[in-house]
Each structure stands twice: as C-alpha cells, then as structure tokens.
N, C-alpha and C. Protein backbone atom coordinates (compact mmCIF):
# COMPACT_ATOMS: atom_id res chain seq x y z
N MET A 1 -2.24 12.92 -17.09
CA MET A 1 -1.85 12.53 -15.59
C MET A 1 -2.57 13.21 -14.66
N GLU A 2 -2.61 14.23 -14.92
CA GLU A 2 -3.97 14.89 -13.67
C GLU A 2 -4.89 14.40 -13.70
N GLN A 3 -5.60 13.96 -14.81
CA GLN A 3 -6.84 13.06 -14.81
C GLN A 3 -6.74 11.71 -13.84
N GLN A 4 -5.81 11.21 -14.57
CA GLN A 4 -5.59 10.00 -13.63
C GLN A 4 -5.25 9.97 -12.34
N GLN A 5 -4.52 10.97 -11.68
CA GLN A 5 -4.20 11.25 -10.30
C GLN A 5 -5.61 11.38 -9.71
N SER A 6 -6.41 12.13 -10.24
CA SER A 6 -7.69 12.12 -9.60
C SER A 6 -8.59 11.09 -9.60
N ILE A 7 -8.41 10.21 -10.44
CA ILE A 7 -9.47 9.11 -10.35
C ILE A 7 -8.74 7.91 -9.63
N SER A 8 -7.25 8.01 -9.42
CA SER A 8 -6.87 7.05 -8.54
C SER A 8 -7.00 7.44 -7.27
N ALA A 9 -6.79 8.64 -6.85
CA ALA A 9 -7.06 9.27 -5.56
C ALA A 9 -8.40 8.75 -5.07
N ARG A 10 -9.27 9.19 -6.03
CA ARG A 10 -10.84 8.66 -5.39
C ARG A 10 -10.91 7.23 -5.13
N LEU A 11 -10.39 6.45 -5.98
CA LEU A 11 -10.55 4.84 -5.80
C LEU A 11 -9.72 4.49 -4.73
N TRP A 12 -8.57 5.00 -4.16
CA TRP A 12 -7.97 4.61 -3.23
C TRP A 12 -8.47 5.10 -1.89
N LYS A 13 -9.17 6.26 -1.83
CA LYS A 13 -10.01 6.80 -0.86
C LYS A 13 -11.21 6.01 -0.39
N GLU A 14 -11.71 5.22 -1.52
CA GLU A 14 -12.78 4.37 -1.16
C GLU A 14 -12.32 2.89 -0.59
N ARG A 15 -10.96 2.97 -0.68
CA ARG A 15 -10.76 1.62 0.13
C ARG A 15 -10.22 1.85 1.64
N ARG A 16 -10.22 3.06 1.96
CA ARG A 16 -9.86 3.11 3.30
C ARG A 16 -10.72 2.49 4.36
N GLY A 17 -10.31 2.02 5.18
CA GLY A 17 -10.88 0.97 6.19
C GLY A 17 -11.28 -0.35 5.83
N ALA A 18 -10.68 -0.79 4.38
CA ALA A 18 -10.63 -2.00 4.19
C ALA A 18 -9.46 -2.85 4.81
N VAL A 19 -9.85 -4.19 5.04
CA VAL A 19 -9.19 -5.23 5.37
C VAL A 19 -8.38 -5.97 4.25
N THR A 20 -7.14 -6.19 4.00
CA THR A 20 -6.79 -7.03 3.11
C THR A 20 -5.49 -7.82 3.11
N GLU A 21 -4.80 -8.41 2.42
CA GLU A 21 -3.28 -9.31 2.79
C GLU A 21 -2.49 -8.29 1.92
N ALA A 22 -1.23 -8.07 2.26
CA ALA A 22 -0.06 -7.63 1.58
C ALA A 22 1.23 -8.17 1.81
N ILE A 23 1.90 -8.23 0.78
CA ILE A 23 3.23 -8.95 0.92
C ILE A 23 4.52 -7.80 1.23
N VAL A 24 5.05 -8.15 2.32
CA VAL A 24 6.25 -7.09 2.76
C VAL A 24 7.10 -7.11 1.77
N LEU A 25 7.78 -6.04 1.18
CA LEU A 25 8.66 -6.02 -0.03
C LEU A 25 9.95 -5.67 0.70
N ALA A 26 10.35 -4.35 1.47
CA ALA A 26 11.42 -3.78 1.79
C ALA A 26 11.15 -2.95 3.07
N PRO A 27 12.15 -2.81 3.98
CA PRO A 27 12.15 -2.00 4.91
C PRO A 27 12.22 -0.29 4.79
N LEU A 28 11.50 0.37 5.27
CA LEU A 28 11.71 2.14 5.00
C LEU A 28 12.07 2.57 6.56
N GLU A 29 12.53 3.56 6.76
CA GLU A 29 13.01 4.29 7.73
C GLU A 29 13.54 3.36 9.11
N GLY A 30 14.16 2.30 8.62
CA GLY A 30 15.03 1.69 9.91
C GLY A 30 14.21 0.65 10.20
N GLY A 31 13.25 0.04 9.38
CA GLY A 31 12.59 -1.10 9.65
C GLY A 31 10.89 -0.99 10.64
N ALA A 32 10.96 0.03 11.14
CA ALA A 32 9.65 0.52 11.73
C ALA A 32 8.37 0.52 10.74
N ARG A 33 8.90 0.77 9.45
CA ARG A 33 7.66 0.98 8.20
C ARG A 33 8.27 0.16 7.20
N TRP A 34 7.31 -0.32 6.43
CA TRP A 34 7.72 -1.30 5.48
C TRP A 34 7.12 -0.89 4.04
N VAL A 35 7.54 -1.42 2.92
CA VAL A 35 6.74 -1.15 1.57
C VAL A 35 6.55 -2.45 1.14
N GLY A 36 5.32 -2.50 0.75
CA GLY A 36 4.57 -3.72 0.24
C GLY A 36 3.68 -3.42 -0.85
N ARG A 37 2.91 -4.72 -1.23
CA ARG A 37 1.95 -4.63 -2.19
C ARG A 37 0.91 -5.50 -1.90
N THR A 38 -0.44 -5.26 -2.34
CA THR A 38 -1.55 -6.16 -2.18
C THR A 38 -1.62 -6.76 -3.55
N SER A 39 -2.41 -7.81 -3.60
CA SER A 39 -2.67 -8.79 -4.52
C SER A 39 -3.04 -7.90 -5.89
N TRP A 40 -3.61 -6.89 -6.00
CA TRP A 40 -4.16 -6.04 -6.87
C TRP A 40 -3.44 -5.01 -7.27
N GLN A 41 -2.04 -4.85 -6.85
CA GLN A 41 -1.10 -3.88 -7.14
C GLN A 41 -0.15 -4.56 -7.93
N ALA A 42 0.09 -4.13 -9.10
CA ALA A 42 1.16 -4.64 -10.19
C ALA A 42 2.41 -3.90 -10.09
N PRO A 43 3.71 -4.31 -9.86
CA PRO A 43 4.65 -3.60 -9.83
C PRO A 43 4.86 -2.78 -11.20
N GLU A 44 5.46 -1.69 -10.99
CA GLU A 44 5.69 -0.64 -12.25
C GLU A 44 4.33 0.03 -12.78
N VAL A 45 3.23 -0.52 -12.51
CA VAL A 45 1.71 0.01 -12.97
C VAL A 45 1.27 0.87 -11.63
N ASP A 46 1.09 0.13 -10.73
CA ASP A 46 0.57 0.61 -9.60
C ASP A 46 1.26 0.91 -8.21
N GLY A 47 0.75 1.76 -7.39
CA GLY A 47 1.54 2.21 -6.35
C GLY A 47 1.74 1.14 -5.35
N GLU A 48 2.28 1.40 -4.31
CA GLU A 48 2.78 0.56 -3.15
C GLU A 48 1.84 0.94 -1.94
N ILE A 49 2.01 0.10 -0.82
CA ILE A 49 1.32 0.20 0.04
C ILE A 49 2.30 0.30 1.22
N VAL A 50 2.18 1.55 2.27
CA VAL A 50 3.43 1.52 2.98
C VAL A 50 2.78 0.91 4.56
N LEU A 51 3.58 0.05 5.34
CA LEU A 51 3.19 -0.88 6.08
C LEU A 51 4.01 -0.37 7.48
N GLU A 52 3.21 -0.48 8.74
CA GLU A 52 3.64 -0.19 10.05
C GLU A 52 3.88 -1.72 10.68
N GLY A 53 4.61 -1.81 11.57
CA GLY A 53 4.82 -2.83 12.35
C GLY A 53 6.04 -3.79 12.28
N ARG A 54 6.00 -5.05 13.02
CA ARG A 54 7.25 -5.86 12.83
C ARG A 54 6.97 -6.90 11.66
N ALA A 55 7.89 -7.05 10.74
CA ALA A 55 7.83 -8.06 9.56
C ALA A 55 8.93 -8.33 8.94
N ARG A 56 9.30 -8.96 7.98
CA ARG A 56 10.26 -9.38 7.20
C ARG A 56 9.97 -9.29 5.88
N PRO A 57 10.78 -9.17 4.86
CA PRO A 57 10.46 -9.03 3.54
C PRO A 57 10.07 -10.88 3.23
N GLY A 58 8.77 -10.76 2.50
CA GLY A 58 8.04 -11.92 2.13
C GLY A 58 7.08 -12.07 2.84
N ASP A 59 6.96 -11.86 4.13
CA ASP A 59 5.86 -12.10 4.99
C ASP A 59 4.69 -11.50 4.11
N LEU A 60 3.42 -12.46 4.31
CA LEU A 60 2.30 -12.15 3.96
C LEU A 60 1.36 -11.62 5.20
N VAL A 61 0.98 -10.20 5.14
CA VAL A 61 0.54 -9.90 6.58
C VAL A 61 -0.85 -9.39 6.36
N ARG A 62 -1.98 -9.23 7.03
CA ARG A 62 -3.30 -8.85 7.01
C ARG A 62 -3.17 -7.35 7.41
N VAL A 63 -3.46 -6.38 6.61
CA VAL A 63 -3.61 -4.91 6.88
C VAL A 63 -4.83 -4.23 6.80
N GLU A 64 -4.93 -3.27 7.51
CA GLU A 64 -6.06 -2.23 7.36
C GLU A 64 -5.70 -1.00 6.73
N ILE A 65 -6.57 -0.60 5.73
CA ILE A 65 -5.96 0.46 4.86
C ILE A 65 -6.31 1.79 5.85
N THR A 66 -5.40 2.58 6.07
CA THR A 66 -5.79 3.66 6.87
C THR A 66 -5.98 5.07 6.31
N GLY A 67 -5.12 4.89 5.25
CA GLY A 67 -4.70 6.17 4.35
C GLY A 67 -4.27 6.01 3.36
N SER A 68 -4.55 7.06 2.16
CA SER A 68 -3.75 6.82 0.89
C SER A 68 -3.60 8.42 0.23
N SER A 69 -2.93 8.29 -0.83
CA SER A 69 -2.49 9.29 -1.67
C SER A 69 -2.88 8.98 -3.22
N GLU A 70 -2.32 9.86 -4.04
CA GLU A 70 -2.87 9.70 -5.43
C GLU A 70 -2.47 8.34 -6.01
N TYR A 71 -1.30 7.74 -5.47
CA TYR A 71 -1.17 6.44 -5.79
C TYR A 71 -0.79 5.30 -4.87
N ASP A 72 -0.38 5.83 -3.65
CA ASP A 72 -0.14 4.86 -2.73
C ASP A 72 -0.98 4.52 -1.43
N LEU A 73 -0.78 3.57 -0.94
CA LEU A 73 -1.99 3.27 0.26
C LEU A 73 -1.00 3.21 1.69
N GLU A 74 -1.77 3.46 2.86
CA GLU A 74 -0.89 3.33 4.05
C GLU A 74 -2.04 2.38 4.88
C-alpha cells in the first residue's frame, strides 16, 4: 500500500492545473463543497474529487484540478 500511495500521489500531482469534467455525487459540509468523480475515477477502486461551488447531485461540471492527496483530487 505504501508503494501504491507514492505512485498515486505522483500521478494525481501531475494532473494539477488540468481542466476536466466531473459528475457531482453528494454534498459535503453543508453544500458548499461536494464529492464527485471524473470519468477516469471508478467507484470503490479510485479516489474521488472534492468540488467547491454551487451544484446538485447528478450535475456534470467542468472543473480545474487545484490539489491532490494520495488518492483524492480537489
């Protein structure tokens, strides 16, 4: 798992600054932040993307990736 964390962190860091599309899944922290997925993030296998802004579950939104951790994007 340590090796995978290192690989994943490096790959996600390389995506910072990229613009992509994500589907909004559910609200976090009262609706100002959302959890979503890009088309290349599979449920239960890959991480998620934390989104900021106004949205509703099911919305497809264009996002800029501004941050990352070992498994998730922001």
